[in-house]
Protein backbone atom coordinates (compact mmCIF):
# COMPACT_ATOMS: atom_id res chain seq x y z
CA MET A 1 -63.62 -23.63 -43.30
CA ALA A 2 -62.78 -27.15 -44.23
CA ALA A 3 -59.24 -28.27 -43.61
CA VAL A 4 -57.04 -28.51 -46.67
CA PRO A 5 -55.34 -31.83 -47.50
CA ILE A 6 -51.88 -31.04 -46.17
CA VAL A 7 -49.87 -33.37 -43.97
CA MET A 8 -47.81 -31.84 -41.18
CA LEU A 9 -44.56 -33.59 -40.32
CA LEU A 10 -42.08 -33.05 -37.50
CA VAL A 11 -39.50 -35.55 -38.61
CA VAL A 12 -36.12 -35.14 -40.29
CA ALA A 13 -36.66 -34.79 -44.02
CA GLY A 14 -35.31 -37.61 -46.13
CA CYS A 15 -33.00 -36.87 -49.03
CA SER A 16 -33.52 -38.19 -52.51
CA GLY A 17 -31.21 -38.04 -55.46
CA PRO A 18 -31.55 -35.43 -58.18
CA GLY A 19 -34.14 -36.04 -60.84
CA PRO A 20 -33.89 -35.21 -64.53
CA GLU A 21 -33.10 -31.67 -65.58
CA ARG A 22 -36.07 -29.37 -65.08
CA GLN A 23 -37.36 -26.77 -67.48
CA PRO A 24 -36.12 -23.32 -66.42
CA GLU A 25 -38.41 -20.52 -65.25
CA ARG A 26 -37.77 -18.47 -68.34
CA SER A 27 -39.27 -18.08 -71.79
CA ALA A 28 -38.12 -19.97 -74.85
CA GLN A 29 -35.37 -18.67 -77.10
CA VAL A 30 -36.22 -15.28 -78.60
CA SER A 31 -37.03 -15.09 -82.26
CA ALA A 32 -34.30 -14.31 -84.77
CA SER A 33 -35.75 -10.82 -85.23
CA ALA A 34 -35.44 -9.91 -81.56
CA PRO A 35 -32.47 -7.75 -80.56
CA THR A 36 -29.67 -9.73 -78.98
CA PRO A 37 -28.43 -8.47 -75.61
CA ARG A 38 -24.72 -7.89 -75.16
CA MET A 39 -23.09 -10.56 -73.05
CA SER A 40 -19.56 -10.98 -71.85
CA GLU A 41 -18.02 -14.30 -72.85
CA ALA A 42 -17.33 -14.87 -69.18
CA PRO A 43 -18.27 -12.79 -66.15
CA THR A 44 -15.60 -10.48 -64.85
CA THR A 45 -16.35 -11.76 -61.34
CA MET A 46 -17.06 -15.45 -60.81
CA PRO A 47 -18.01 -17.15 -57.55
CA THR A 48 -15.03 -18.44 -55.60
CA ALA A 49 -14.91 -21.24 -53.08
CA VAL A 50 -15.42 -20.37 -49.44
CA PRO A 51 -16.02 -22.76 -46.54
CA PRO A 52 -19.73 -23.67 -46.55
CA PRO A 53 -21.89 -23.07 -43.51
CA THR A 54 -23.19 -26.20 -41.84
CA PRO A 55 -27.00 -26.52 -41.82
CA ALA A 56 -28.86 -28.17 -38.99
CA GLU A 57 -30.80 -31.24 -40.07
CA PRO A 58 -33.65 -30.12 -42.37
CA VAL A 59 -37.17 -30.89 -41.18
CA ASP A 60 -40.40 -31.05 -43.20
CA ILE A 61 -42.87 -28.54 -41.74
CA ALA A 62 -45.68 -29.14 -44.25
CA THR A 63 -46.27 -31.34 -47.28
CA GLY A 64 -48.95 -31.64 -49.96
CA LEU A 65 -48.96 -27.98 -51.01
CA GLU A 66 -49.95 -26.96 -54.55
CA ALA A 67 -47.38 -24.69 -56.24
CA PRO A 68 -46.73 -22.52 -53.15
CA TRP A 69 -45.10 -19.18 -53.90
CA SER A 70 -44.55 -17.16 -50.73
CA ILE A 71 -44.63 -17.24 -46.92
CA VAL A 72 -45.18 -14.44 -44.41
CA PHE A 73 -45.47 -14.66 -40.64
CA VAL A 74 -48.40 -13.20 -38.68
CA GLY A 75 -47.92 -13.60 -34.98
CA THR A 76 -47.19 -17.26 -34.33
CA SER A 77 -48.74 -18.38 -37.63
CA ALA A 78 -47.42 -18.49 -41.19
CA LEU A 79 -49.49 -17.55 -44.22
CA ILE A 80 -48.72 -19.34 -47.49
CA SER A 81 -49.82 -18.35 -51.00
CA GLU A 82 -50.52 -20.97 -53.68
CA ARG A 83 -49.98 -19.63 -57.19
CA ASP A 84 -52.46 -21.73 -59.15
CA SER A 85 -55.28 -22.28 -56.66
CA GLY A 86 -55.31 -18.67 -55.43
CA ARG A 87 -55.56 -19.93 -51.86
CA ILE A 88 -53.98 -18.35 -48.80
CA LEU A 89 -53.34 -20.98 -46.14
CA GLU A 90 -52.60 -20.55 -42.44
CA LEU A 91 -50.05 -22.81 -40.74
CA THR A 92 -50.20 -22.48 -36.95
CA ALA A 93 -47.43 -23.06 -34.45
CA ALA A 94 -49.32 -26.21 -33.39
CA GLY A 95 -49.02 -27.61 -36.92
CA ASP A 96 -52.62 -27.09 -38.02
CA VAL A 97 -53.32 -25.94 -41.58
CA ARG A 98 -56.48 -24.24 -42.74
CA GLU A 99 -57.64 -22.20 -45.71
CA VAL A 100 -57.94 -18.51 -44.85
CA ALA A 101 -59.30 -17.32 -48.20
CA THR A 102 -59.17 -17.70 -51.94
CA VAL A 103 -58.23 -14.41 -53.59
CA ALA A 104 -60.95 -13.42 -56.04
CA GLY A 105 -60.35 -12.59 -59.68
CA ILE A 106 -57.13 -14.55 -60.09
CA VAL A 107 -56.19 -15.26 -63.72
CA HIS A 108 -53.95 -18.30 -63.64
CA GLY A 109 -51.68 -19.29 -66.49
CA GLY A 110 -47.97 -19.94 -66.84
CA GLU A 111 -46.12 -17.94 -64.19
CA GLY A 112 -49.12 -15.75 -63.32
CA GLY A 113 -51.52 -16.24 -60.43
CA LEU A 114 -51.26 -15.60 -56.69
CA LEU A 115 -47.63 -14.62 -56.09
CA GLY A 116 -45.92 -12.53 -53.40
CA MET A 117 -47.18 -11.40 -50.00
CA ALA A 118 -46.00 -8.94 -47.35
CA THR A 119 -47.36 -7.69 -44.04
CA ASP A 120 -47.52 -4.26 -42.44
CA ASP A 121 -48.95 -4.18 -38.93
CA ASP A 122 -52.51 -5.47 -39.30
CA ARG A 123 -52.66 -5.72 -43.11
CA LEU A 124 -51.69 -8.31 -45.68
CA TYR A 125 -50.39 -7.14 -49.07
CA VAL A 126 -50.75 -9.49 -52.04
CA TYR A 127 -49.41 -9.43 -55.62
CA SER A 128 -51.54 -11.37 -58.11
CA THR A 129 -52.57 -11.61 -61.75
CA GLY A 130 -56.08 -10.40 -62.59
CA GLU A 131 -58.07 -9.61 -65.72
CA GLY A 132 -56.43 -6.23 -66.20
CA GLY A 133 -52.87 -7.36 -65.51
CA ASN A 134 -50.87 -7.79 -62.35
CA ARG A 135 -51.97 -5.87 -59.28
CA VAL A 136 -51.15 -5.17 -55.64
CA GLN A 137 -54.00 -5.46 -53.14
CA ARG A 138 -54.14 -5.19 -49.39
CA PHE A 139 -56.47 -6.85 -46.92
CA ALA A 140 -57.18 -6.06 -43.27
CA LEU A 141 -56.11 -8.91 -40.99
CA SER A 142 -58.36 -9.94 -38.14
CA GLY A 143 -58.81 -12.84 -35.74
CA HIS A 144 -56.02 -14.59 -33.93
CA PRO A 145 -53.57 -17.41 -34.71
CA GLY A 146 -55.61 -20.41 -35.77
CA ASP A 147 -58.50 -18.21 -36.90
CA ILE A 148 -56.93 -15.47 -39.05
CA ALA A 149 -59.32 -13.78 -41.48
CA LEU A 150 -59.00 -11.27 -44.32
CA GLY A 151 -61.14 -8.21 -44.94
CA ALA A 152 -62.27 -6.94 -48.32
CA PRO A 153 -59.53 -6.30 -50.91
CA GLU A 154 -58.30 -2.78 -51.54
CA THR A 155 -56.36 -2.41 -54.79
CA ILE A 156 -53.47 0.01 -54.31
CA LEU A 157 -51.85 -0.54 -57.72
CA ALA A 158 -53.34 -2.07 -60.88
CA GLY A 159 -52.40 -2.35 -64.52
CA ILE A 160 -48.94 -3.84 -64.10
CA PRO A 161 -48.35 -5.59 -67.46
CA ALA A 162 -48.83 -9.36 -67.27
CA ALA A 163 -47.99 -12.24 -69.58
CA ARG A 164 -47.68 -15.99 -69.41
CA VAL A 165 -44.11 -15.51 -68.21
CA HIS A 166 -42.01 -12.74 -66.58
CA ASN A 167 -44.51 -11.37 -64.06
CA GLY A 168 -42.08 -10.60 -61.26
CA GLY A 169 -44.26 -10.78 -58.17
CA ARG A 170 -42.04 -10.41 -55.10
CA ILE A 171 -43.16 -7.71 -52.65
CA ALA A 172 -41.50 -6.70 -49.39
CA PHE A 173 -41.36 -3.83 -46.94
CA GLY A 174 -37.97 -2.20 -46.69
CA PRO A 175 -36.33 -0.85 -43.55
CA ASP A 176 -37.61 2.59 -44.65
CA GLY A 177 -41.23 1.44 -44.26
CA MET A 178 -41.87 1.58 -48.02
CA LEU A 179 -43.32 -1.27 -50.08
CA TYR A 180 -41.03 -2.59 -52.84
CA VAL A 181 -42.61 -4.47 -55.75
CA THR A 182 -40.82 -6.39 -58.50
CA THR A 183 -42.28 -6.54 -61.99
CA GLY A 184 -41.14 -8.57 -64.99
CA ASP A 185 -40.85 -7.37 -68.55
CA ALA A 186 -43.97 -9.45 -69.44
CA THR A 187 -42.12 -10.51 -72.64
CA GLU A 188 -42.12 -6.90 -73.94
CA ARG A 189 -38.39 -6.56 -73.42
CA GLU A 190 -37.96 -2.93 -74.50
CA ASN A 191 -40.38 -1.79 -71.79
CA ALA A 192 -37.74 -2.55 -69.19
CA GLN A 193 -35.89 0.60 -70.36
CA ASP A 194 -39.06 2.72 -70.62
CA LEU A 195 -39.49 4.80 -67.46
CA ASP A 196 -43.16 5.35 -68.37
CA SER A 197 -43.85 1.60 -68.18
CA LEU A 198 -44.27 -0.43 -64.99
CA SER A 199 -42.66 -3.47 -66.68
CA GLY A 200 -39.17 -4.68 -65.87
CA LYS A 201 -38.83 -2.55 -62.74
CA ILE A 202 -38.49 -2.51 -59.00
CA LEU A 203 -41.20 -0.16 -57.77
CA ARG A 204 -41.22 1.71 -54.45
CA MET A 205 -44.42 3.03 -52.90
CA THR A 206 -46.02 4.04 -49.63
CA PRO A 207 -48.25 1.46 -47.91
CA ALA A 208 -51.19 3.19 -49.62
CA GLY A 209 -49.64 2.81 -53.07
CA GLU A 210 -48.58 6.45 -53.44
CA VAL A 211 -45.29 7.77 -54.82
CA PRO A 212 -42.81 8.62 -52.04
CA ALA A 213 -41.44 12.15 -52.28
CA ASP A 214 -37.84 10.86 -52.33
CA ASN A 215 -38.23 8.39 -55.20
CA PRO A 216 -35.49 8.87 -57.83
CA PHE A 217 -37.85 9.89 -60.66
CA PRO A 218 -40.32 12.61 -59.59
CA GLY A 219 -43.92 11.47 -59.66
CA SER A 220 -42.94 7.90 -60.56
CA LEU A 221 -43.12 4.63 -58.62
CA VAL A 222 -39.99 3.43 -60.46
CA TYR A 223 -37.06 2.80 -58.13
CA SER A 224 -34.80 0.87 -60.54
CA TYR A 225 -35.18 -0.30 -64.12
CA GLY A 226 -33.66 -2.45 -66.84
CA HIS A 227 -34.80 -5.69 -65.20
CA ARG A 228 -35.93 -8.85 -66.99
CA ASN A 229 -37.64 -10.70 -64.14
CA VAL A 230 -36.81 -10.07 -60.48
CA GLU A 231 -38.30 -12.53 -57.96
CA GLY A 232 -36.20 -11.90 -54.85
CA LEU A 233 -35.63 -8.93 -52.52
CA ALA A 234 -33.63 -8.75 -49.27
CA TRP A 235 -31.87 -6.06 -47.25
CA SER A 236 -28.60 -6.33 -45.37
CA GLY A 237 -28.30 -4.94 -41.84
CA ASP A 238 -27.01 -1.61 -43.15
CA GLY A 239 -30.00 -1.19 -45.50
CA THR A 240 -28.37 -2.34 -48.75
CA LEU A 241 -30.99 -3.81 -51.10
CA PHE A 242 -30.15 -7.04 -52.95
CA ALA A 243 -32.26 -8.54 -55.75
CA THR A 244 -32.13 -11.83 -57.66
CA GLU A 245 -32.91 -11.73 -61.37
CA PHE A 246 -33.57 -14.29 -64.10
CA GLY A 247 -31.45 -13.88 -67.19
CA GLU A 248 -32.44 -15.26 -70.57
CA ASN A 249 -30.13 -18.01 -71.79
CA THR A 250 -26.71 -17.24 -70.36
CA TRP A 251 -26.44 -15.47 -66.98
CA ASP A 252 -28.68 -15.16 -63.95
CA GLU A 253 -27.84 -12.33 -61.56
CA LEU A 254 -27.49 -11.08 -58.02
CA ASN A 255 -27.69 -7.28 -57.99
CA ILE A 256 -27.20 -4.53 -55.44
CA ILE A 257 -30.03 -2.11 -56.09
CA THR A 258 -29.55 1.65 -55.92
CA ALA A 259 -32.16 4.34 -56.43
CA GLY A 260 -32.50 5.19 -60.10
CA GLY A 261 -30.14 2.44 -61.25
CA ASN A 262 -30.32 0.94 -64.76
CA TYR A 263 -29.58 -2.81 -64.70
CA GLY A 264 -29.20 -3.20 -68.42
CA TRP A 265 -31.95 -5.44 -69.76
CA PRO A 266 -32.52 -5.96 -72.66
CA ASP A 267 -29.26 -4.40 -73.86
CA VAL A 268 -27.07 -6.56 -71.67
CA GLU A 269 -27.35 -9.86 -69.83
CA GLY A 270 -24.84 -10.45 -67.03
CA MET A 271 -21.67 -8.37 -66.80
CA GLY A 272 -20.47 -5.73 -69.24
CA GLY A 273 -23.18 -3.07 -69.17
CA GLY A 274 -20.85 -0.13 -69.60
CA ASP A 275 -21.57 3.53 -68.91
CA GLY A 276 -24.92 4.24 -67.32
CA MET A 277 -25.64 0.62 -66.41
CA THR A 278 -24.99 -1.30 -63.21
CA ASP A 279 -23.35 -4.73 -63.35
CA PRO A 280 -24.46 -7.56 -61.06
CA VAL A 281 -22.21 -8.49 -58.15
CA GLN A 282 -22.47 -12.19 -59.01
CA VAL A 283 -23.75 -14.24 -61.95
CA TRP A 284 -24.49 -17.92 -62.53
CA ALA A 285 -25.11 -19.97 -65.65
CA THR A 286 -28.86 -20.20 -66.19
CA GLU A 287 -28.95 -24.00 -66.10
CA GLU A 288 -27.48 -23.90 -62.57
CA ALA A 289 -29.65 -21.17 -61.12
CA SER A 290 -33.02 -19.50 -61.90
CA PRO A 291 -32.70 -17.58 -58.61
CA SER A 292 -36.04 -16.78 -57.03
CA GLY A 293 -36.63 -15.80 -53.39
CA ILE A 294 -33.82 -14.50 -51.18
CA ALA A 295 -33.50 -14.05 -47.42
CA ARG A 296 -30.95 -12.56 -45.05
CA SER A 297 -29.69 -14.82 -42.27
CA GLY A 298 -27.16 -13.08 -40.05
CA ASP A 299 -24.24 -11.99 -42.22
CA SER A 300 -25.34 -14.07 -45.23
CA LEU A 301 -27.89 -14.02 -48.01
CA VAL A 302 -29.61 -17.31 -48.82
CA ILE A 303 -30.98 -17.67 -52.36
CA ALA A 304 -33.55 -20.21 -53.59
CA ASN A 305 -32.97 -21.65 -57.08
CA LEU A 306 -35.57 -23.28 -59.30
CA ARG A 307 -33.76 -24.82 -62.24
CA GLY A 308 -30.58 -25.11 -60.17
CA GLU A 309 -32.46 -27.06 -57.45
CA ARG A 310 -30.34 -25.75 -54.59
CA LEU A 311 -29.87 -22.98 -52.08
CA ARG A 312 -26.91 -20.64 -52.41
CA VAL A 313 -25.35 -18.88 -49.44
CA VAL A 314 -23.69 -15.54 -50.21
CA PRO A 315 -21.63 -13.70 -47.57
CA ILE A 316 -22.81 -10.09 -47.48
CA ALA A 317 -19.24 -8.91 -46.94
CA ASP A 318 -18.10 -10.70 -50.12
CA PRO A 319 -21.16 -10.93 -52.43
CA ALA A 320 -19.14 -12.14 -55.43
CA THR A 321 -18.75 -15.54 -53.68
CA SER A 322 -21.19 -18.27 -52.77
CA THR A 323 -21.56 -21.83 -51.52
CA GLU A 324 -24.29 -24.39 -52.12
CA LEU A 325 -26.70 -26.37 -49.96
CA PHE A 326 -29.05 -29.29 -50.75
CA ALA A 327 -28.13 -29.45 -54.46
CA GLY A 328 -30.56 -31.84 -56.16
CA GLU A 329 -32.08 -33.03 -52.89
CA TYR A 330 -35.45 -31.24 -52.98
CA GLY A 331 -35.98 -30.32 -56.63
CA ARG A 332 -37.06 -26.79 -57.53
CA ILE A 333 -36.88 -24.30 -54.64
CA ARG A 334 -39.07 -21.22 -54.99
CA THR A 335 -38.30 -19.09 -51.96
CA VAL A 336 -36.60 -18.98 -48.58
CA VAL A 337 -37.63 -16.86 -45.58
CA PRO A 338 -36.31 -16.14 -42.08
CA ALA A 339 -38.39 -17.95 -39.44
CA PRO A 340 -39.30 -16.41 -36.06
CA ASP A 341 -37.02 -18.88 -34.23
CA GLY A 342 -33.96 -17.61 -36.11
CA GLY A 343 -33.87 -20.48 -38.60
CA LEU A 344 -34.95 -20.54 -42.24
CA TRP A 345 -37.86 -22.07 -44.14
CA PHE A 346 -37.88 -22.82 -47.86
CA LEU A 347 -40.63 -23.76 -50.32
CA THR A 348 -40.28 -26.33 -53.08
CA ASN A 349 -42.02 -25.91 -56.43
CA ASN A 350 -42.13 -29.33 -58.06
CA THR A 351 -45.90 -29.18 -58.69
CA ASP A 352 -45.77 -25.95 -60.71
CA GLY A 353 -45.78 -27.68 -64.11
CA ARG A 354 -42.02 -27.51 -64.59
CA GLY A 355 -40.84 -29.87 -61.89
CA ASP A 356 -40.82 -33.58 -61.22
CA PRO A 357 -43.02 -34.07 -58.12
CA ARG A 358 -41.72 -36.38 -55.43
CA PRO A 359 -43.82 -38.00 -52.69
CA GLY A 360 -45.09 -35.25 -50.39
CA ASP A 361 -44.41 -32.36 -52.76
CA ASP A 362 -44.75 -29.51 -52.54
CA ARG A 363 -43.32 -28.92 -49.08
CA ILE A 364 -42.01 -26.42 -46.57
CA VAL A 365 -38.62 -27.38 -45.12
CA ALA A 366 -37.05 -25.79 -42.03
CA PHE A 367 -33.32 -25.72 -41.28
CA ALA A 368 -30.71 -23.54 -39.63
CA LEU A 369 -27.33 -22.37 -40.82
CA GLY A 370 -24.49 -23.51 -38.61
């Protein structure tokens, strides 16, 4: 296949000042007839200052990407999804970039398109928007680093409600070997509380897309509900599941996810859910956050923020606190992932229609926490 126009750099990334405020990854204000979620005037737990970790100098790994959304590692190579183009790219350890495939049947628009990816042995799992809604497909992986190929798609879950916004899209294998899938409310807010709907949920399934026998609701893929739009999943060393969630106009959230938990949307945004609902462990004002991908690095969680244009580092032992890295330096940051060398990579999203592209955007940046 022809090489894609991406420049590989192995130099220290330059820093530029923050641009103008970006549009958030959230829908516009709801209509006057829509029910108003309960919100506390201020969260009961606010982030407190802790000494920030010291990052190693950030380095550009790739530039010239088009709205990249996720990264997974296959051997010594990384696979990258591009939301709008539907392309899956391979980045080798030698710094070569090539197009592996373009996922067929992608319906692009707004926040839909080619979104999350995950791997399980010799298969690649992909979440994307198609004609019938959002779907999860898997592809056999073949070849070797530098020549990775995909087999024919096998759809393991279809019919996840889709809309221009709130499509969720993060998928990841948990330490239990099950595939976890985040779905947004697809602008039909009440569906987040409907256990018969796949909207506004975190789903849990076997690698074949079947319902695990120990799911909290018999016969259902639903693992947790009452979500508006979750785009980040990560597990601590003891198996605790954390998820980042977009609020509407007031509070974005970091949640600890438990089987069968109700996280409140659309009845509550932020803290104050009351009986039967689980409060987040940390919230941020929406203009400072839009938390997307999340990764565990040692004893910390690292959270990518779109509108907030920064990474946040949350100590797992004290998840109500956080510190900030790279605020305003790279624009919108879509996701962050652990790299095989023990460092971290993050993706910018300044070419996604909501950002202010800078020379070289979009890019992958590598760094290490001190």
